[in-house]
Amino acid sequence: MAGAVVIGAGPGIGAAVARRFAREGLPVALVARSERTLAHVAEGVAAAGTGAAPGSGVLPLVADVADEAVLRSALDAATGRFGVPDAVVYNAALVRADALGELAQSALLDAWAVNVGGALTAAAHLAPAMARRGGGSFLLTGGMPEPKPAYVSLSLGKAGVRTLARLLDLEYGPGGVHVATVTVDGAVAPGTDFDPDLIAEHYWRLHTQPRSRWEHDVAYTGAKATAPRA
């Protein structure tokens, strides 16, 4: 069992997804920019795991997804420890309010590097080996099903994520890699209809779907989800 790589392993969806996969006995590599965040998330994932040695199936890796070389190095460390992953979850995003024309082009490109560029780097680095092996899942956190003028860079980024997912499916789907997005249409918060643990169930469900029933986009609208595109 090669395990999972969760990129953007923050305290919300990323941590919840990592715990969900760990509960099934998968080792999990966690990638995040903050060492403090990683330590906290890794502790929760280790507690959720079923391994005999607490923490033995958790690998925290500090990396900025916008730095291609650093991200690729982290992914090499993950595969060096656990092998070619069974699942990759890309959850990194730069979430901020910005209006039309408010950001300089350089700032828009910085946001794009996190929201889309890191996902492309991760896919290019890991998906070919997953396809050669004949299977796995590459899951991306979507959002902004409708563009919002108050969140320009995020709206553009999530549109890019949807397009990237389609491209990855065309490229690696025939090799057995299940590419899908979970489009979260609301503010994530524990104890609400957008509780990250509720959302995490859909990542596990997508990962375990038989190929004949693959869904490629799950729209999560609050304690429920629909699959608009199979």
C-alpha atoms as a PDB file:
ATOM      1  CA  MET A   1       0.000   0.000   0.000  1.00  0.00           C
ATOM      2  CA  ALA A   2       1.819   3.089  -1.295  1.00  0.00           C
ATOM      3  CA  GLY A   3      -0.339   5.648   0.486  1.00  0.00           C
ATOM      4  CA  ALA A   4      -1.472   9.187  -0.159  1.00  0.00           C
ATOM      5  CA  VAL A   5       0.099  12.591  -0.686  1.00  0.00           C
ATOM      6  CA  VAL A   6      -1.915  15.568   0.555  1.00  0.00           C
ATOM      7  CA  ILE A   7      -0.626  18.873  -0.809  1.00  0.00           C
ATOM      8  CA  GLY A   8      -1.985  21.881   1.019  1.00  0.00           C
ATOM      9  CA  ALA A   9      -2.342  19.997   4.295  1.00  0.00           C
ATOM     10  CA  GLY A  10      -3.805  22.876   6.271  1.00  0.00           C
ATOM     11  CA  PRO A  11      -6.109  22.634   9.276  1.00  0.00           C
ATOM     12  CA  GLY A  12      -9.335  22.426   7.231  1.00  0.00           C
ATOM     13  CA  ILE A  13     -10.003  20.145   4.268  1.00  0.00           C
ATOM     14  CA  GLY A  14      -6.376  19.039   3.914  1.00  0.00           C
ATOM     15  CA  ALA A  15      -6.141  17.754   7.480  1.00  0.00           C
ATOM     16  CA  ALA A  16      -9.565  16.122   7.298  1.00  0.00           C
ATOM     17  CA  VAL A  17      -8.730  14.297   4.060  1.00  0.00           C
ATOM     18  CA  ALA A  18      -5.389  13.136   5.476  1.00  0.00           C
ATOM     19  CA  ARG A  19      -7.108  11.772   8.589  1.00  0.00           C
ATOM     20  CA  ARG A  20      -9.747  10.044   6.461  1.00  0.00           C
ATOM     21  CA  PHE A  21      -7.146   8.240   4.374  1.00  0.00           C
ATOM     22  CA  ALA A  22      -5.076   7.393   7.460  1.00  0.00           C
ATOM     23  CA  ARG A  23      -8.110   5.768   9.083  1.00  0.00           C
ATOM     24  CA  GLU A  24      -8.087   3.294   6.211  1.00  0.00           C
ATOM     25  CA  GLY A  25      -4.510   2.370   7.037  1.00  0.00           C
ATOM     26  CA  LEU A  26      -2.798   4.351   4.287  1.00  0.00           C
ATOM     27  CA  PRO A  27       0.483   6.097   5.083  1.00  0.00           C
ATOM     28  CA  VAL A  28       0.191   9.801   4.334  1.00  0.00           C
ATOM     29  CA  ALA A  29       2.728  12.388   3.210  1.00  0.00           C
ATOM     30  CA  LEU A  30       1.682  15.924   4.170  1.00  0.00           C
ATOM     31  CA  VAL A  31       2.901  18.948   2.227  1.00  0.00           C
ATOM     32  CA  ALA A  32       2.395  22.463   3.564  1.00  0.00           C
ATOM     33  CA  ARG A  33       4.302  25.721   3.757  1.00  0.00           C
ATOM     34  CA  SER A  34       4.191  26.135   7.549  1.00  0.00           C
ATOM     35  CA  GLU A  35       6.199  23.842   9.794  1.00  0.00           C
ATOM     36  CA  ARG A  36       3.922  24.672  12.729  1.00  0.00           C
ATOM     37  CA  THR A  37       0.811  23.770  10.733  1.00  0.00           C
ATOM     38  CA  LEU A  38       2.403  20.530   9.603  1.00  0.00           C
ATOM     39  CA  ALA A  39       3.286  19.502  13.146  1.00  0.00           C
ATOM     40  CA  HIS A  40      -0.292  20.012  14.310  1.00  0.00           C
ATOM     41  CA  VAL A  41      -1.848  18.233  11.320  1.00  0.00           C
ATOM     42  CA  ALA A  42       0.646  15.357  11.488  1.00  0.00           C
ATOM     43  CA  GLU A  43      -0.260  14.750  15.127  1.00  0.00           C
ATOM     44  CA  GLY A  44      -3.936  14.392  14.232  1.00  0.00           C
ATOM     45  CA  VAL A  45      -3.209  12.151  11.260  1.00  0.00           C
ATOM     46  CA  ALA A  46      -0.968   9.902  13.348  1.00  0.00           C
ATOM     47  CA  ALA A  47      -3.723   9.547  15.950  1.00  0.00           C
ATOM     48  CA  ALA A  48      -6.229   8.645  13.221  1.00  0.00           C
ATOM     49  CA  GLY A  49      -4.012   6.010  11.645  1.00  0.00           C
ATOM     50  CA  THR A  50      -4.249   2.300  12.280  1.00  0.00           C
ATOM     51  CA  GLY A  51      -0.542   1.533  12.232  1.00  0.00           C
ATOM     52  CA  ALA A  52       1.090  -0.141  15.224  1.00  0.00           C
ATOM     53  CA  ALA A  53       3.709   2.587  15.594  1.00  0.00           C
ATOM     54  CA  PRO A  54       2.059   6.020  16.059  1.00  0.00           C
ATOM     55  CA  GLY A  55       3.328   8.448  13.457  1.00  0.00           C
ATOM     56  CA  SER A  56       5.246   5.841  11.468  1.00  0.00           C
ATOM     57  CA  GLY A  57       2.864   6.278   8.544  1.00  0.00           C
ATOM     58  CA  VAL A  58       2.993  10.080   8.489  1.00  0.00           C
ATOM     59  CA  LEU A  59       5.616  12.148   6.674  1.00  0.00           C
ATOM     60  CA  PRO A  60       5.403  15.949   7.085  1.00  0.00           C
ATOM     61  CA  LEU A  61       7.158  17.910   4.334  1.00  0.00           C
ATOM     62  CA  VAL A  62       7.639  21.678   4.285  1.00  0.00           C
ATOM     63  CA  ALA A  63       7.309  23.124   0.779  1.00  0.00           C
ATOM     64  CA  ASP A  64       5.949  26.182  -0.973  1.00  0.00           C
ATOM     65  CA  VAL A  65       3.872  24.860  -3.873  1.00  0.00           C
ATOM     66  CA  ALA A  66       4.744  27.953  -5.914  1.00  0.00           C
ATOM     67  CA  ASP A  67       8.422  26.929  -5.853  1.00  0.00           C
ATOM     68  CA  GLU A  68       8.636  24.174  -8.448  1.00  0.00           C
ATOM     69  CA  ALA A  69      12.037  22.828  -7.416  1.00  0.00           C
ATOM     70  CA  VAL A  70      11.121  22.716  -3.730  1.00  0.00           C
ATOM     71  CA  LEU A  71       7.782  21.045  -4.427  1.00  0.00           C
ATOM     72  CA  ARG A  72       9.359  18.422  -6.671  1.00  0.00           C
ATOM     73  CA  SER A  73      11.948  17.706  -3.961  1.00  0.00           C
ATOM     74  CA  ALA A  74       9.184  17.191  -1.397  1.00  0.00           C
ATOM     75  CA  LEU A  75       7.341  14.847  -3.738  1.00  0.00           C
ATOM     76  CA  ASP A  76      10.548  12.875  -4.280  1.00  0.00           C
ATOM     77  CA  ALA A  77      10.857  12.537  -0.510  1.00  0.00           C
ATOM     78  CA  ALA A  78       7.277  11.259  -0.336  1.00  0.00           C
ATOM     79  CA  THR A  79       7.784   8.642  -3.048  1.00  0.00           C
ATOM     80  CA  GLY A  80      11.154   7.706  -1.567  1.00  0.00           C
ATOM     81  CA  ARG A  81       9.434   6.915   1.728  1.00  0.00           C
ATOM     82  CA  PHE A  82       6.129   5.400   0.592  1.00  0.00           C
ATOM     83  CA  GLY A  83       6.506   4.667  -3.130  1.00  0.00           C
ATOM     84  CA  VAL A  84       4.372   5.880  -6.038  1.00  0.00           C
ATOM     85  CA  PRO A  85       1.202   7.144  -4.341  1.00  0.00           C
ATOM     86  CA  ASP A  86      -2.187   5.514  -4.549  1.00  0.00           C
ATOM     87  CA  ALA A  87      -3.785   8.932  -4.117  1.00  0.00           C
ATOM     88  CA  VAL A  88      -2.698  12.533  -4.568  1.00  0.00           C
ATOM     89  CA  VAL A  89      -4.865  15.332  -3.203  1.00  0.00           C
ATOM     90  CA  TYR A  90      -4.117  18.903  -4.269  1.00  0.00           C
ATOM     91  CA  ASN A  91      -5.767  21.249  -1.785  1.00  0.00           C
ATOM     92  CA  ALA A  92      -3.442  24.258  -1.862  1.00  0.00           C
ATOM     93  CA  ALA A  93      -5.032  27.619  -2.631  1.00  0.00           C
ATOM     94  CA  LEU A  94      -4.409  31.305  -2.111  1.00  0.00           C
ATOM     95  CA  VAL A  95      -7.735  32.562  -0.794  1.00  0.00           C
ATOM     96  CA  ARG A  96      -8.124  36.313  -0.635  1.00  0.00           C
ATOM     97  CA  ALA A  97     -10.568  38.993  -1.632  1.00  0.00           C
ATOM     98  CA  ASP A  98      -9.451  41.043  -4.627  1.00  0.00           C
ATOM     99  CA  ALA A  99     -11.566  43.069  -7.039  1.00  0.00           C
ATOM    100  CA  LEU A 100     -11.196  43.491 -10.787  1.00  0.00           C
ATOM    101  CA  GLY A 101      -8.073  45.506 -11.532  1.00  0.00           C
ATOM    102  CA  GLU A 102      -6.999  45.625  -7.879  1.00  0.00           C
ATOM    103  CA  LEU A 103      -3.998  43.322  -8.119  1.00  0.00           C
ATOM    104  CA  ALA A 104      -0.860  43.926 -10.104  1.00  0.00           C
ATOM    105  CA  GLN A 105      -0.144  41.347 -12.773  1.00  0.00           C
ATOM    106  CA  SER A 106       2.704  39.942 -10.684  1.00  0.00           C
ATOM    107  CA  ALA A 107       0.324  39.345  -7.764  1.00  0.00           C
ATOM    108  CA  LEU A 108      -2.162  37.608 -10.059  1.00  0.00           C
ATOM    109  CA  LEU A 109       0.620  35.344 -11.304  1.00  0.00           C
ATOM    110  CA  ASP A 110       1.652  34.580  -7.718  1.00  0.00           C
ATOM    111  CA  ALA A 111      -1.914  33.482  -6.950  1.00  0.00           C
ATOM    112  CA  TRP A 112      -2.046  31.414 -10.143  1.00  0.00           C
ATOM    113  CA  ALA A 113       1.187  29.667  -9.158  1.00  0.00           C
ATOM    114  CA  VAL A 114      -0.437  28.426  -5.943  1.00  0.00           C
ATOM    115  CA  ASN A 115      -3.949  27.765  -7.229  1.00  0.00           C
ATOM    116  CA  VAL A 116      -3.016  26.055 -10.497  1.00  0.00           C
ATOM    117  CA  GLY A 117       0.735  25.925 -11.096  1.00  0.00           C
ATOM    118  CA  GLY A 118       1.501  23.733  -8.107  1.00  0.00           C
ATOM    119  CA  ALA A 119      -1.210  21.291  -9.129  1.00  0.00           C
ATOM    120  CA  LEU A 120       0.269  21.009 -12.611  1.00  0.00           C
ATOM    121  CA  THR A 121       3.748  20.476 -11.168  1.00  0.00           C
ATOM    122  CA  ALA A 122       2.470  17.740  -8.843  1.00  0.00           C
ATOM    123  CA  ALA A 123       0.591  16.015 -11.634  1.00  0.00           C
ATOM    124  CA  ALA A 124       3.524  16.151 -14.034  1.00  0.00           C
ATOM    125  CA  HIS A 125       5.780  14.740 -11.322  1.00  0.00           C
ATOM    126  CA  LEU A 126       3.569  11.912 -10.060  1.00  0.00           C
ATOM    127  CA  ALA A 127       0.798  11.021 -12.520  1.00  0.00           C
ATOM    128  CA  PRO A 128       2.982   9.419 -15.229  1.00  0.00           C
ATOM    129  CA  ALA A 129       4.306   6.834 -12.765  1.00  0.00           C
ATOM    130  CA  MET A 130       0.782   6.256 -11.439  1.00  0.00           C
ATOM    131  CA  ALA A 131      -0.416   5.609 -14.998  1.00  0.00           C
ATOM    132  CA  ARG A 132       2.499   3.272 -15.723  1.00  0.00           C
ATOM    133  CA  ARG A 133       1.552   1.304 -12.620  1.00  0.00           C
ATOM    134  CA  GLY A 134      -2.030   1.202 -13.896  1.00  0.00           C
ATOM    135  CA  GLY A 135      -4.006   3.102 -11.291  1.00  0.00           C
ATOM    136  CA  GLY A 136      -4.469   5.680  -8.574  1.00  0.00           C
ATOM    137  CA  SER A 137      -6.420   8.839  -8.001  1.00  0.00           C
ATOM    138  CA  PHE A 138      -5.493  12.496  -8.454  1.00  0.00           C
ATOM    139  CA  LEU A 139      -8.055  14.652  -6.668  1.00  0.00           C
ATOM    140  CA  LEU A 140      -8.228  18.441  -6.630  1.00  0.00           C
ATOM    141  CA  THR A 141     -10.136  20.809  -4.396  1.00  0.00           C
ATOM    142  CA  GLY A 142     -12.300  23.041  -6.551  1.00  0.00           C
ATOM    143  CA  GLY A 143     -14.464  25.991  -5.670  1.00  0.00           C
ATOM    144  CA  MET A 144     -16.105  29.087  -7.123  1.00  0.00           C
ATOM    145  CA  PRO A 145     -18.517  27.226  -9.419  1.00  0.00           C
ATOM    146  CA  GLU A 146     -19.611  30.709 -10.445  1.00  0.00           C
ATOM    147  CA  PRO A 147     -17.025  33.517 -10.704  1.00  0.00           C
ATOM    148  CA  LYS A 148     -17.268  36.212  -8.034  1.00  0.00           C
ATOM    149  CA  PRO A 149     -16.118  39.782  -8.799  1.00  0.00           C
ATOM    150  CA  ALA A 150     -14.947  40.149  -5.187  1.00  0.00           C
ATOM    151  CA  TYR A 151     -12.592  37.146  -5.564  1.00  0.00           C
ATOM    152  CA  VAL A 152     -11.006  37.590  -8.950  1.00  0.00           C
ATOM    153  CA  SER A 153      -7.742  35.668  -8.499  1.00  0.00           C
ATOM    154  CA  LEU A 154      -9.492  32.738  -6.797  1.00  0.00           C
ATOM    155  CA  SER A 155     -12.257  32.647  -9.415  1.00  0.00           C
ATOM    156  CA  LEU A 156      -9.636  32.492 -12.157  1.00  0.00           C
ATOM    157  CA  GLY A 157      -7.666  29.883 -10.243  1.00  0.00           C
ATOM    158  CA  LYS A 158     -10.588  27.548  -9.648  1.00  0.00           C
ATOM    159  CA  ALA A 159     -11.617  27.827 -13.295  1.00  0.00           C
ATOM    160  CA  GLY A 160      -8.058  26.819 -14.116  1.00  0.00           C
ATOM    161  CA  VAL A 161      -8.296  23.858 -11.735  1.00  0.00           C
ATOM    162  CA  ARG A 162     -11.389  22.577 -13.538  1.00  0.00           C
ATOM    163  CA  THR A 163      -9.671  22.851 -16.916  1.00  0.00           C
ATOM    164  CA  LEU A 164      -6.523  21.218 -15.576  1.00  0.00           C
ATOM    165  CA  ALA A 165      -8.538  18.308 -14.195  1.00  0.00           C
ATOM    166  CA  ARG A 166     -10.075  17.728 -17.617  1.00  0.00           C
ATOM    167  CA  LEU A 167      -6.665  17.809 -19.277  1.00  0.00           C
ATOM    168  CA  LEU A 168      -5.218  15.383 -16.726  1.00  0.00           C
ATOM    169  CA  ASP A 169      -8.134  13.026 -17.243  1.00  0.00           C
ATOM    170  CA  LEU A 170      -7.561  13.040 -20.996  1.00  0.00           C
ATOM    171  CA  GLU A 171      -3.850  12.372 -20.512  1.00  0.00           C
ATOM    172  CA  TYR A 172      -3.766   9.906 -17.612  1.00  0.00           C
ATOM    173  CA  GLY A 173      -7.310   8.551 -17.359  1.00  0.00           C
ATOM    174  CA  PRO A 174      -6.663   5.889 -20.026  1.00  0.00           C
ATOM    175  CA  GLY A 175      -3.784   4.687 -17.835  1.00  0.00           C
ATOM    176  CA  GLY A 176      -6.123   4.132 -14.901  1.00  0.00           C
ATOM    177  CA  VAL A 177      -5.624   7.394 -13.000  1.00  0.00           C
ATOM    178  CA  HIS A 178      -8.942   8.691 -11.678  1.00  0.00           C
ATOM    179  CA  VAL A 179      -8.835  12.493 -11.906  1.00  0.00           C
ATOM    180  CA  ALA A 180     -11.613  14.401 -10.176  1.00  0.00           C
ATOM    181  CA  THR A 181     -12.429  17.655  -8.433  1.00  0.00           C
ATOM    182  CA  VAL A 182     -14.455  18.255  -5.295  1.00  0.00           C
ATOM    183  CA  THR A 183     -15.996  21.681  -5.841  1.00  0.00           C
ATOM    184  CA  VAL A 184     -16.787  23.195  -2.443  1.00  0.00           C
ATOM    185  CA  ASP A 185     -19.418  25.913  -2.754  1.00  0.00           C
ATOM    186  CA  GLY A 186     -19.300  27.501   0.690  1.00  0.00           C
ATOM    187  CA  ALA A 187     -17.180  28.504   3.668  1.00  0.00           C
ATOM    188  CA  VAL A 188     -15.547  25.504   5.334  1.00  0.00           C
ATOM    189  CA  ALA A 189     -15.991  25.398   9.121  1.00  0.00           C
ATOM    190  CA  PRO A 190     -16.241  22.598  11.701  1.00  0.00           C
ATOM    191  CA  GLY A 191     -19.725  21.918  13.032  1.00  0.00           C
ATOM    192  CA  THR A 192     -21.497  23.349   9.979  1.00  0.00           C
ATOM    193  CA  ASP A 193     -22.892  21.814   6.800  1.00  0.00           C
ATOM    194  CA  PHE A 194     -19.443  22.538   5.380  1.00  0.00           C
ATOM    195  CA  ASP A 195     -17.599  20.614   8.083  1.00  0.00           C
ATOM    196  CA  PRO A 196     -14.256  19.452   6.616  1.00  0.00           C
ATOM    197  CA  ASP A 197     -14.825  15.908   7.875  1.00  0.00           C
ATOM    198  CA  LEU A 198     -18.057  15.720   5.875  1.00  0.00           C
ATOM    199  CA  ILE A 199     -16.290  17.013   2.786  1.00  0.00           C
ATOM    200  CA  ALA A 200     -13.400  14.568   3.250  1.00  0.00           C
ATOM    201  CA  GLU A 201     -15.772  11.625   2.826  1.00  0.00           C
ATOM    202  CA  HIS A 202     -16.188  12.544  -0.830  1.00  0.00           C
ATOM    203  CA  TYR A 203     -12.448  12.383  -1.467  1.00  0.00           C
ATOM    204  CA  TRP A 204     -12.365   8.855  -0.060  1.00  0.00           C
ATOM    205  CA  ARG A 205     -15.466   7.901  -2.037  1.00  0.00           C
ATOM    206  CA  LEU A 206     -13.879   9.153  -5.266  1.00  0.00           C
ATOM    207  CA  HIS A 207     -10.645   7.329  -4.489  1.00  0.00           C
ATOM    208  CA  THR A 208     -12.423   4.006  -4.011  1.00  0.00           C
ATOM    209  CA  GLN A 209     -14.813   4.216  -6.972  1.00  0.00           C
ATOM    210  CA  PRO A 210     -14.546   1.410  -9.520  1.00  0.00           C
ATOM    211  CA  ARG A 211     -13.534   2.637 -12.938  1.00  0.00           C
ATOM    212  CA  SER A 212     -16.950   1.880 -14.397  1.00  0.00           C
ATOM    213  CA  ARG A 213     -18.489   4.410 -11.981  1.00  0.00           C
ATOM    214  CA  TRP A 214     -15.887   7.172 -12.003  1.00  0.00           C
ATOM    215  CA  GLU A 215     -17.158  10.667 -11.293  1.00  0.00           C
ATOM    216  CA  HIS A 216     -15.007  13.592 -12.372  1.00  0.00           C
ATOM    217  CA  ASP A 217     -16.565  16.512 -10.520  1.00  0.00           C
ATOM    218  CA  VAL A 218     -18.470  16.439  -7.241  1.00  0.00           C
ATOM    219  CA  ALA A 219     -20.278  19.655  -6.314  1.00  0.00           C
ATOM    220  CA  TYR A 220     -20.464  19.963  -2.532  1.00  0.00           C
ATOM    221  CA  THR A 221     -23.183  22.431  -1.558  1.00  0.00           C
ATOM    222  CA  GLY A 222     -23.514  21.734   2.143  1.00  0.00           C
ATOM    223  CA  ALA A 223     -23.869  18.284   3.760  1.00  0.00           C
ATOM    224  CA  LYS A 224     -24.688  16.886   0.356  1.00  0.00           C
ATOM    225  CA  ALA A 225     -23.013  16.526  -2.988  1.00  0.00           C
ATOM    226  CA  THR A 226     -23.964  16.011  -6.588  1.00  0.00           C
ATOM    227  CA  ALA A 227     -21.926  14.669  -9.467  1.00  0.00           C
ATOM    228  CA  PRO A 228     -22.627  16.832 -12.528  1.00  0.00           C
ATOM    229  CA  ARG A 229     -20.090  15.165 -14.792  1.00  0.00           C
ATOM    230  CA  ALA A 230     -19.274  11.463 -14.895  1.00  0.00           C
END
